[in-house]
All heavy atoms as atom14 arrays in JSON, in Angstrom:
{
  "sequence": "VQKLLQRPKPGKAKLLGSAKKVNVNFQDTDGFSPLHHAALNGNVEV",
  "atom14_mask": [
    [1, 1, 1, 1, 1, 1, 1, 0, 0, 0, 0, 0, 0, 0],
    [1, 1, 1, 1, 1, 1, 1, 1, 1, 0, 0, 0, 0, 0],
    [1, 1, 1, 1, 1, 1, 1, 1, 1, 0, 0, 0, 0, 0],
    [1, 1, 1, 1, 1, 1, 1, 1, 0, 0, 0, 0, 0, 0],
    [1, 1, 1, 1, 1, 1, 1, 1, 0, 0, 0, 0, 0, 0],
    [1, 1, 1, 1, 1, 1, 1, 1, 1, 0, 0, 0, 0, 0],
    [1, 1, 1, 1, 1, 1, 1, 1, 1, 1, 1, 0, 0, 0],
    [1, 1, 1, 1, 1, 1, 1, 0, 0, 0, 0, 0, 0, 0],
    [1, 1, 1, 1, 1, 1, 1, 1, 1, 0, 0, 0, 0, 0],
    [1, 1, 1, 1, 1, 1, 1, 0, 0, 0, 0, 0, 0, 0],
    [1, 1, 1, 1, 0, 0, 0, 0, 0, 0, 0, 0, 0, 0],
    [1, 1, 1, 1, 1, 1, 1, 1, 1, 0, 0, 0, 0, 0],
    [1, 1, 1, 1, 1, 0, 0, 0, 0, 0, 0, 0, 0, 0],
    [1, 1, 1, 1, 1, 1, 1, 1, 1, 0, 0, 0, 0, 0],
    [1, 1, 1, 1, 1, 1, 1, 1, 0, 0, 0, 0, 0, 0],
    [1, 1, 1, 1, 1, 1, 1, 1, 0, 0, 0, 0, 0, 0],
    [1, 1, 1, 1, 0, 0, 0, 0, 0, 0, 0, 0, 0, 0],
    [1, 1, 1, 1, 1, 1, 0, 0, 0, 0, 0, 0, 0, 0],
    [1, 1, 1, 1, 1, 0, 0, 0, 0, 0, 0, 0, 0, 0],
    [1, 1, 1, 1, 1, 1, 1, 1, 1, 0, 0, 0, 0, 0],
    [1, 1, 1, 1, 1, 1, 1, 1, 1, 0, 0, 0, 0, 0],
    [1, 1, 1, 1, 1, 1, 1, 0, 0, 0, 0, 0, 0, 0],
    [1, 1, 1, 1, 1, 1, 1, 1, 0, 0, 0, 0, 0, 0],
    [1, 1, 1, 1, 1, 1, 1, 0, 0, 0, 0, 0, 0, 0],
    [1, 1, 1, 1, 1, 1, 1, 1, 0, 0, 0, 0, 0, 0],
    [1, 1, 1, 1, 1, 1, 1, 1, 1, 1, 1, 0, 0, 0],
    [1, 1, 1, 1, 1, 1, 1, 1, 1, 0, 0, 0, 0, 0],
    [1, 1, 1, 1, 1, 1, 1, 1, 0, 0, 0, 0, 0, 0],
    [1, 1, 1, 1, 1, 1, 1, 0, 0, 0, 0, 0, 0, 0],
    [1, 1, 1, 1, 1, 1, 1, 1, 0, 0, 0, 0, 0, 0],
    [1, 1, 1, 1, 0, 0, 0, 0, 0, 0, 0, 0, 0, 0],
    [1, 1, 1, 1, 1, 1, 1, 1, 1, 1, 1, 0, 0, 0],
    [1, 1, 1, 1, 1, 1, 0, 0, 0, 0, 0, 0, 0, 0],
    [1, 1, 1, 1, 1, 1, 1, 0, 0, 0, 0, 0, 0, 0],
    [1, 1, 1, 1, 1, 1, 1, 1, 0, 0, 0, 0, 0, 0],
    [1, 1, 1, 1, 1, 1, 1, 1, 1, 1, 0, 0, 0, 0],
    [1, 1, 1, 1, 1, 1, 1, 1, 1, 1, 0, 0, 0, 0],
    [1, 1, 1, 1, 1, 0, 0, 0, 0, 0, 0, 0, 0, 0],
    [1, 1, 1, 1, 1, 0, 0, 0, 0, 0, 0, 0, 0, 0],
    [1, 1, 1, 1, 1, 1, 1, 1, 0, 0, 0, 0, 0, 0],
    [1, 1, 1, 1, 1, 1, 1, 1, 0, 0, 0, 0, 0, 0],
    [1, 1, 1, 1, 0, 0, 0, 0, 0, 0, 0, 0, 0, 0],
    [1, 1, 1, 1, 1, 1, 1, 1, 0, 0, 0, 0, 0, 0],
    [1, 1, 1, 1, 1, 1, 1, 0, 0, 0, 0, 0, 0, 0],
    [1, 1, 1, 1, 1, 1, 1, 1, 1, 0, 0, 0, 0, 0],
    [1, 1, 1, 1, 1, 1, 1, 0, 0, 0, 0, 0, 0, 0]
  ],
  "atom14_positions": [
    [[62.39, -153.31, -115.72], [62.04, -152.69, -114.44], [63.28, -152.01, -113.86], [63.24, -150.84, -113.47], [61.46, -153.72, -113.43], [61.3, -153.1, -112.05], [60.13, -154.26, -113.93], [0.0, 0.0, 0.0], [0.0, 0.0, 0.0], [0.0, 0.0, 0.0], [0.0, 0.0, 0.0], [0.0, 0.0, 0.0], [0.0, 0.0, 0.0], [0.0, 0.0, 0.0]],
    [[64.4, -152.73, -113.85], [65.65, -152.16, -113.32], [66.04, -150.92, -114.1], [66.4, -149.89, -113.52], [66.78, -153.19, -113.4], [66.71, -154.23, -112.3], [67.73, -155.34, -112.49], [67.98, -155.8, -113.61], [68.29, -155.81, -111.39], [0.0, 0.0, 0.0], [0.0, 0.0, 0.0], [0.0, 0.0, 0.0], [0.0, 0.0, 0.0], [0.0, 0.0, 0.0]],
    [[65.96, -151.02, -115.43], [66.37, -149.91, -116.29], [65.51, -148.67, -116.01], [66.01, -147.56, -115.87], [66.25, -150.32, -117.76], [67.09, -149.48, -118.7], [66.98, -149.97, -120.12], [65.71, -149.38, -120.74], [65.3, -150.02, -121.99], [0.0, 0.0, 0.0], [0.0, 0.0, 0.0], [0.0, 0.0, 0.0], [0.0, 0.0, 0.0], [0.0, 0.0, 0.0]],
    [[64.2, -148.87, -115.9], [63.29, -147.74, -115.68], [63.45, -147.12, -114.3], [63.22, -145.93, -114.12], [61.84, -148.19, -115.88], [61.43, -148.44, -117.33], [60.12, -149.2, -117.39], [61.32, -147.13, -118.1], [0.0, 0.0, 0.0], [0.0, 0.0, 0.0], [0.0, 0.0, 0.0], [0.0, 0.0, 0.0], [0.0, 0.0, 0.0], [0.0, 0.0, 0.0]],
    [[63.83, -147.94, -113.31], [63.94, -147.41, -111.95], [65.31, -146.82, -111.64], [65.51, -146.22, -110.6], [63.63, -148.51, -110.93], [62.18, -149.0, -110.9], [62.02, -150.15, -109.93], [61.22, -147.87, -110.54], [0.0, 0.0, 0.0], [0.0, 0.0, 0.0], [0.0, 0.0, 0.0], [0.0, 0.0, 0.0], [0.0, 0.0, 0.0], [0.0, 0.0, 0.0]],
    [[66.27, -147.0, -112.56], [67.62, -146.46, -112.32], [67.6, -144.95, -112.23], [66.9, -144.28, -112.97], [68.56, -146.88, -113.45], [69.35, -148.11, -113.11], [70.13, -148.62, -114.32], [70.1, -148.01, -115.38], [70.81, -149.73, -114.14], [0.0, 0.0, 0.0], [0.0, 0.0, 0.0], [0.0, 0.0, 0.0], [0.0, 0.0, 0.0], [0.0, 0.0, 0.0]],
    [[68.41, -144.48, -111.29], [68.59, -143.01, -111.18], [69.4, -142.55, -112.39], [70.44, -143.15, -112.69], [69.4, -142.67, -109.92], [68.81, -143.23, -108.64], [67.91, -142.21, -107.99], [67.16, -142.78, -106.88], [66.0, -143.42, -107.01], [65.44, -143.58, -108.18], [65.37, -143.88, -105.95], [0.0, 0.0, 0.0], [0.0, 0.0, 0.0], [0.0, 0.0, 0.0]],
    [[68.94, -141.49, -113.07], [69.75, -141.0, -114.19], [71.09, -140.46, -113.67], [71.14, -139.87, -112.6], [68.9, -139.87, -114.79], [67.79, -139.63, -113.83], [67.73, -140.75, -112.85], [0.0, 0.0, 0.0], [0.0, 0.0, 0.0], [0.0, 0.0, 0.0], [0.0, 0.0, 0.0], [0.0, 0.0, 0.0], [0.0, 0.0, 0.0], [0.0, 0.0, 0.0]],
    [[72.17, -140.72, -114.39], [73.49, -140.25, -113.95], [73.52, -138.73, -114.06], [73.07, -138.17, -115.05], [74.58, -140.84, -114.85], [74.46, -142.34, -115.03], [75.64, -143.06, -114.46], [75.61, -144.55, -114.64], [74.34, -145.22, -114.74], [0.0, 0.0, 0.0], [0.0, 0.0, 0.0], [0.0, 0.0, 0.0], [0.0, 0.0, 0.0], [0.0, 0.0, 0.0]],
    [[74.02, -138.05, -113.02], [74.03, -136.58, -113.07], [74.8, -136.1, -114.31], [75.85, -136.65, -114.64], [74.74, -136.18, -111.78], [75.22, -137.44, -111.13], [74.61, -138.61, -111.84], [0.0, 0.0, 0.0], [0.0, 0.0, 0.0], [0.0, 0.0, 0.0], [0.0, 0.0, 0.0], [0.0, 0.0, 0.0], [0.0, 0.0, 0.0], [0.0, 0.0, 0.0]],
    [[74.24, -135.11, -114.98], [74.92, -134.55, -116.15], [74.45, -135.16, -117.46], [74.23, -134.45, -118.42], [0.0, 0.0, 0.0], [0.0, 0.0, 0.0], [0.0, 0.0, 0.0], [0.0, 0.0, 0.0], [0.0, 0.0, 0.0], [0.0, 0.0, 0.0], [0.0, 0.0, 0.0], [0.0, 0.0, 0.0], [0.0, 0.0, 0.0], [0.0, 0.0, 0.0]],
    [[74.27, -136.46, -117.48], [73.9, -137.13, -118.73], [72.44, -136.88, -119.11], [72.13, -136.66, -120.27], [74.13, -138.63, -118.63], [75.54, -139.04, -118.97], [75.65, -140.53, -119.14], [77.07, -140.89, -119.57], [77.32, -142.32, -119.47], [0.0, 0.0, 0.0], [0.0, 0.0, 0.0], [0.0, 0.0, 0.0], [0.0, 0.0, 0.0], [0.0, 0.0, 0.0]],
    [[71.57, -136.94, -118.13], [70.13, -136.86, -118.4], [69.75, -135.56, -119.1], [68.91, -135.55, -119.98], [69.36, -137.0, -117.1], [0.0, 0.0, 0.0], [0.0, 0.0, 0.0], [0.0, 0.0, 0.0], [0.0, 0.0, 0.0], [0.0, 0.0, 0.0], [0.0, 0.0, 0.0], [0.0, 0.0, 0.0], [0.0, 0.0, 0.0], [0.0, 0.0, 0.0]],
    [[70.38, -134.46, -118.71], [70.0, -133.15, -119.27], [70.18, -133.11, -120.78], [69.38, -132.53, -121.49], [70.8, -132.04, -118.59], [70.4, -131.84, -117.14], [71.14, -130.67, -116.51], [70.87, -130.6, -115.03], [71.77, -131.46, -114.25], [0.0, 0.0, 0.0], [0.0, 0.0, 0.0], [0.0, 0.0, 0.0], [0.0, 0.0, 0.0], [0.0, 0.0, 0.0]],
    [[71.23, -133.73, -121.28], [71.5, -133.71, -122.72], [70.38, -134.36, -123.51], [69.96, -133.85, -124.53], [72.82, -134.46, -123.02], [74.08, -133.88, -122.4], [75.26, -134.83, -122.59], [74.41, -132.52, -123.03], [0.0, 0.0, 0.0], [0.0, 0.0, 0.0], [0.0, 0.0, 0.0], [0.0, 0.0, 0.0], [0.0, 0.0, 0.0], [0.0, 0.0, 0.0]],
    [[69.91, -135.5, -122.99], [68.89, -136.25, -123.73], [67.48, -135.73, -123.48], [66.54, -136.16, -124.13], [68.96, -137.73, -123.34], [70.32, -138.4, -123.55], [70.37, -139.73, -122.83], [70.58, -138.59, -125.03], [0.0, 0.0, 0.0], [0.0, 0.0, 0.0], [0.0, 0.0, 0.0], [0.0, 0.0, 0.0], [0.0, 0.0, 0.0], [0.0, 0.0, 0.0]],
    [[67.34, -134.88, -122.48], [66.02, -134.37, -122.14], [65.15, -135.45, -121.51], [63.93, -135.34, -121.52], [0.0, 0.0, 0.0], [0.0, 0.0, 0.0], [0.0, 0.0, 0.0], [0.0, 0.0, 0.0], [0.0, 0.0, 0.0], [0.0, 0.0, 0.0], [0.0, 0.0, 0.0], [0.0, 0.0, 0.0], [0.0, 0.0, 0.0], [0.0, 0.0, 0.0]],
    [[65.79, -136.5, -120.97], [65.0, -137.58, -120.38], [65.06, -137.51, -118.85], [65.07, -138.53, -118.19], [65.53, -138.93, -120.86], [66.82, -139.14, -120.32], [0.0, 0.0, 0.0], [0.0, 0.0, 0.0], [0.0, 0.0, 0.0], [0.0, 0.0, 0.0], [0.0, 0.0, 0.0], [0.0, 0.0, 0.0], [0.0, 0.0, 0.0], [0.0, 0.0, 0.0]],
    [[65.16, -136.3, -118.35], [65.31, -136.15, -116.9], [64.03, -136.53, -116.15], [64.03, -136.69, -114.95], [65.71, -134.72, -116.57], [0.0, 0.0, 0.0], [0.0, 0.0, 0.0], [0.0, 0.0, 0.0], [0.0, 0.0, 0.0], [0.0, 0.0, 0.0], [0.0, 0.0, 0.0], [0.0, 0.0, 0.0], [0.0, 0.0, 0.0], [0.0, 0.0, 0.0]],
    [[62.93, -136.68, -116.88], [61.66, -137.03, -116.23], [61.79, -138.41, -115.61], [62.06, -139.39, -116.28], [60.53, -137.03, -117.27], [59.17, -137.22, -116.62], [58.1, -137.48, -117.67], [56.81, -137.93, -117.03], [56.92, -139.17, -116.25], [0.0, 0.0, 0.0], [0.0, 0.0, 0.0], [0.0, 0.0, 0.0], [0.0, 0.0, 0.0], [0.0, 0.0, 0.0]],
    [[61.63, -138.43, -114.28], [61.76, -139.69, -113.57], [60.46, -140.48, -113.68], [59.38, -139.91, -113.76], [62.08, -139.41, -112.09], [63.34, -140.08, -111.61], [63.65, -139.71, -110.19], [62.67, -140.43, -109.29], [62.73, -140.06, -107.9], [0.0, 0.0, 0.0], [0.0, 0.0, 0.0], [0.0, 0.0, 0.0], [0.0, 0.0, 0.0], [0.0, 0.0, 0.0]],
    [[60.59, -141.79, -113.67], [59.41, -142.64, -113.75], [58.68, -142.57, -112.4], [59.3, -142.49, -111.35], [59.81, -144.09, -114.12], [60.62, -144.75, -113.03], [58.57, -144.92, -114.42], [0.0, 0.0, 0.0], [0.0, 0.0, 0.0], [0.0, 0.0, 0.0], [0.0, 0.0, 0.0], [0.0, 0.0, 0.0], [0.0, 0.0, 0.0], [0.0, 0.0, 0.0]],
    [[57.35, -142.57, -112.45], [56.54, -142.52, -111.22], [56.28, -143.95, -110.75], [55.46, -144.66, -111.33], [55.22, -141.79, -111.5], [54.29, -141.82, -110.3], [54.66, -142.24, -109.2], [53.07, -141.36, -110.5], [0.0, 0.0, 0.0], [0.0, 0.0, 0.0], [0.0, 0.0, 0.0], [0.0, 0.0, 0.0], [0.0, 0.0, 0.0], [0.0, 0.0, 0.0]],
    [[57.0, -144.34, -109.69], [56.91, -145.72, -109.19], [55.53, -146.02, -108.61], [55.11, -147.16, -108.5], [58.05, -146.01, -108.19], [57.8, -145.3, -106.87], [58.22, -147.5, -107.97], [0.0, 0.0, 0.0], [0.0, 0.0, 0.0], [0.0, 0.0, 0.0], [0.0, 0.0, 0.0], [0.0, 0.0, 0.0], [0.0, 0.0, 0.0], [0.0, 0.0, 0.0]],
    [[54.78, -144.96, -108.26], [53.44, -145.14, -107.7], [52.32, -144.83, -108.69], [51.18, -144.58, -108.29], [53.29, -144.29, -106.43], [54.21, -144.78, -105.33], [54.2, -145.96, -104.99], [55.03, -143.89, -104.8], [0.0, 0.0, 0.0], [0.0, 0.0, 0.0], [0.0, 0.0, 0.0], [0.0, 0.0, 0.0], [0.0, 0.0, 0.0], [0.0, 0.0, 0.0]],
    [[52.65, -144.86, -109.97], [51.65, -144.63, -111.02], [50.54, -145.67, -110.89], [50.81, -146.84, -110.64], [52.33, -144.74, -112.4], [51.36, -144.71, -113.53], [50.8, -143.51, -113.96], [50.99, -145.88, -114.2], [49.9, -143.48, -115.02], [50.09, -145.86, -115.26], [49.55, -144.65, -115.66], [0.0, 0.0, 0.0], [0.0, 0.0, 0.0], [0.0, 0.0, 0.0]],
    [[49.28, -145.23, -111.02], [48.15, -146.17, -110.94], [47.32, -146.13, -112.21], [47.04, -145.06, -112.74], [47.28, -145.82, -109.73], [47.98, -146.12, -108.4], [47.17, -145.66, -107.21], [47.19, -144.49, -106.85], [46.45, -146.58, -106.58], [0.0, 0.0, 0.0], [0.0, 0.0, 0.0], [0.0, 0.0, 0.0], [0.0, 0.0, 0.0], [0.0, 0.0, 0.0]],
    [[46.9, -147.32, -112.68], [46.05, -147.38, -113.87], [44.6, -147.06, -113.48], [44.33, -146.71, -112.34], [46.19, -148.73, -114.59], [45.66, -149.9, -113.75], [44.94, -149.67, -112.75], [45.95, -151.06, -114.11], [0.0, 0.0, 0.0], [0.0, 0.0, 0.0], [0.0, 0.0, 0.0], [0.0, 0.0, 0.0], [0.0, 0.0, 0.0], [0.0, 0.0, 0.0]],
    [[43.68, -147.22, -114.4], [42.29, -146.82, -114.14], [41.64, -147.64, -113.02], [40.71, -147.2, -112.38], [41.43, -146.94, -115.42], [41.67, -148.23, -115.98], [41.79, -145.86, -116.42], [0.0, 0.0, 0.0], [0.0, 0.0, 0.0], [0.0, 0.0, 0.0], [0.0, 0.0, 0.0], [0.0, 0.0, 0.0], [0.0, 0.0, 0.0], [0.0, 0.0, 0.0]],
    [[42.16, -148.86, -112.75], [41.63, -149.66, -111.65], [42.35, -149.35, -110.34], [42.05, -149.94, -109.3], [41.81, -151.16, -111.94], [40.99, -151.6, -113.14], [39.84, -151.12, -113.27], [41.48, -152.41, -113.93], [0.0, 0.0, 0.0], [0.0, 0.0, 0.0], [0.0, 0.0, 0.0], [0.0, 0.0, 0.0], [0.0, 0.0, 0.0], [0.0, 0.0, 0.0]],
    [[43.31, -148.41, -110.41], [44.05, -148.06, -109.21], [45.2, -149.02, -108.95], [45.81, -149.02, -107.89], [0.0, 0.0, 0.0], [0.0, 0.0, 0.0], [0.0, 0.0, 0.0], [0.0, 0.0, 0.0], [0.0, 0.0, 0.0], [0.0, 0.0, 0.0], [0.0, 0.0, 0.0], [0.0, 0.0, 0.0], [0.0, 0.0, 0.0], [0.0, 0.0, 0.0]],
    [[45.52, -149.85, -109.95], [46.61, -150.8, -109.81], [47.95, -150.11, -110.01], [48.16, -149.46, -111.02], [46.46, -151.94, -110.83], [46.0, -153.22, -110.23], [44.76, -153.29, -109.63], [46.81, -154.35, -110.23], [44.32, -154.48, -109.06], [46.38, -155.54, -109.67], [45.13, -155.6, -109.07], [0.0, 0.0, 0.0], [0.0, 0.0, 0.0], [0.0, 0.0, 0.0]],
    [[48.83, -150.25, -109.05], [50.18, -149.7, -109.15], [51.13, -150.83, -109.51], [50.76, -152.01, -109.42], [50.59, -149.11, -107.8], [50.81, -150.16, -106.86], [0.0, 0.0, 0.0], [0.0, 0.0, 0.0], [0.0, 0.0, 0.0], [0.0, 0.0, 0.0], [0.0, 0.0, 0.0], [0.0, 0.0, 0.0], [0.0, 0.0, 0.0], [0.0, 0.0, 0.0]],
    [[52.38, -150.5, -109.88], [53.35, -151.57, -110.14], [53.46, -152.55, -108.95], [53.55, -153.75, -109.14], [54.66, -150.82, -110.36], [54.23, -149.51, -110.95], [52.94, -149.18, -110.24], [0.0, 0.0, 0.0], [0.0, 0.0, 0.0], [0.0, 0.0, 0.0], [0.0, 0.0, 0.0], [0.0, 0.0, 0.0], [0.0, 0.0, 0.0], [0.0, 0.0, 0.0]],
    [[53.39, -152.01, -107.72], [53.51, -152.87, -106.54], [52.34, -153.85, -106.42], [52.52, -154.99, -105.99], [53.66, -152.02, -105.26], [54.13, -152.77, -104.01], [55.46, -153.49, -104.23], [54.26, -151.82, -102.82], [0.0, 0.0, 0.0], [0.0, 0.0, 0.0], [0.0, 0.0, 0.0], [0.0, 0.0, 0.0], [0.0, 0.0, 0.0], [0.0, 0.0, 0.0]],
    [[51.14, -153.42, -106.81], [49.99, -154.33, -106.81], [50.27, -155.52, -107.75], [50.06, -156.68, -107.39], [48.72, -153.62, -107.31], [48.05, -152.76, -106.3], [48.16, -151.39, -106.29], [47.25, -153.07, -105.23], [47.45, -150.9, -105.29], [46.89, -151.9, -104.63], [0.0, 0.0, 0.0], [0.0, 0.0, 0.0], [0.0, 0.0, 0.0], [0.0, 0.0, 0.0]],
    [[50.75, -155.2, -108.96], [51.04, -156.26, -109.94], [52.15, -157.18, -109.45], [52.06, -158.4, -109.61], [51.44, -155.65, -111.29], [50.27, -155.15, -112.08], [49.27, -155.99, -112.54], [49.92, -153.91, -112.49], [48.36, -155.28, -113.2], [48.74, -154.01, -113.17], [0.0, 0.0, 0.0], [0.0, 0.0, 0.0], [0.0, 0.0, 0.0], [0.0, 0.0, 0.0]],
    [[53.18, -156.6, -108.85], [54.3, -157.41, -108.36], [53.83, -158.35, -107.25], [54.22, -159.51, -107.19], [55.42, -156.5, -107.85], [0.0, 0.0, 0.0], [0.0, 0.0, 0.0], [0.0, 0.0, 0.0], [0.0, 0.0, 0.0], [0.0, 0.0, 0.0], [0.0, 0.0, 0.0], [0.0, 0.0, 0.0], [0.0, 0.0, 0.0], [0.0, 0.0, 0.0]],
    [[52.94, -157.85, -106.38], [52.41, -158.67, -105.28], [51.53, -159.8, -105.82], [51.58, -160.92, -105.34], [51.62, -157.8, -104.3], [0.0, 0.0, 0.0], [0.0, 0.0, 0.0], [0.0, 0.0, 0.0], [0.0, 0.0, 0.0], [0.0, 0.0, 0.0], [0.0, 0.0, 0.0], [0.0, 0.0, 0.0], [0.0, 0.0, 0.0], [0.0, 0.0, 0.0]],
    [[50.76, -159.47, -106.85], [49.87, -160.45, -107.47], [50.69, -161.57, -108.12], [50.36, -162.74, -108.03], [49.0, -159.75, -108.51], [47.74, -160.46, -108.97], [46.86, -160.88, -107.8], [46.94, -159.54, -109.89], [0.0, 0.0, 0.0], [0.0, 0.0, 0.0], [0.0, 0.0, 0.0], [0.0, 0.0, 0.0], [0.0, 0.0, 0.0], [0.0, 0.0, 0.0]],
    [[51.8, -161.18, -108.76], [52.69, -162.17, -109.39], [53.54, -162.89, -108.35], [54.1, -163.93, -108.63], [53.63, -161.49, -110.39], [52.9, -160.99, -111.61], [51.82, -161.47, -111.93], [53.49, -160.02, -112.3], [0.0, 0.0, 0.0], [0.0, 0.0, 0.0], [0.0, 0.0, 0.0], [0.0, 0.0, 0.0], [0.0, 0.0, 0.0], [0.0, 0.0, 0.0]],
    [[53.68, -162.27, -107.17], [54.51, -162.86, -106.13], [55.99, -162.8, -106.45], [56.78, -163.61, -105.98], [0.0, 0.0, 0.0], [0.0, 0.0, 0.0], [0.0, 0.0, 0.0], [0.0, 0.0, 0.0], [0.0, 0.0, 0.0], [0.0, 0.0, 0.0], [0.0, 0.0, 0.0], [0.0, 0.0, 0.0], [0.0, 0.0, 0.0], [0.0, 0.0, 0.0]],
    [[56.4, -161.8, -107.25], [57.8, -161.69, -107.64], [58.58, -160.86, -106.62], [58.52, -159.64, -106.61], [57.9, -161.06, -109.03], [59.3, -161.16, -109.6], [60.28, -160.92, -108.91], [59.39, -161.51, -110.87], [0.0, 0.0, 0.0], [0.0, 0.0, 0.0], [0.0, 0.0, 0.0], [0.0, 0.0, 0.0], [0.0, 0.0, 0.0], [0.0, 0.0, 0.0]],
    [[59.33, -161.57, -105.76], [60.05, -160.93, -104.66], [61.09, -159.93, -105.15], [61.24, -158.85, -104.59], [60.7, -162.0, -103.75], [61.46, -161.36, -102.61], [59.64, -162.94, -103.2], [0.0, 0.0, 0.0], [0.0, 0.0, 0.0], [0.0, 0.0, 0.0], [0.0, 0.0, 0.0], [0.0, 0.0, 0.0], [0.0, 0.0, 0.0], [0.0, 0.0, 0.0]],
    [[61.8, -160.28, -106.24], [62.83, -159.37, -106.77], [62.21, -158.05, -107.2], [62.73, -156.98, -106.89], [63.54, -160.0, -107.97], [64.57, -161.04, -107.59], [65.2, -161.65, -108.84], [64.55, -162.53, -109.45], [66.32, -161.24, -109.2], [0.0, 0.0, 0.0], [0.0, 0.0, 0.0], [0.0, 0.0, 0.0], [0.0, 0.0, 0.0], [0.0, 0.0, 0.0]],
    [[61.11, -158.13, -107.93], [60.45, -156.91, -108.42], [59.89, -156.11, -107.24], [60.04, -154.89, -107.19], [59.34, -157.24, -109.45], [58.6, -155.99, -109.86], [59.94, -157.92, -110.68], [0.0, 0.0, 0.0], [0.0, 0.0, 0.0], [0.0, 0.0, 0.0], [0.0, 0.0, 0.0], [0.0, 0.0, 0.0], [0.0, 0.0, 0.0], [0.0, 0.0, 0.0]]
  ]
}
């Protein structure tokens, strides 16, 4: 989770073509977002 949410370091991302940022509000077919799952698990850190 930490790795995916990290801001890409300026300059580095362009080389790898991985500049696409992860969508923290992505929802699955049930409309579940990462925050829904984190709340369900009760994981305060996440």
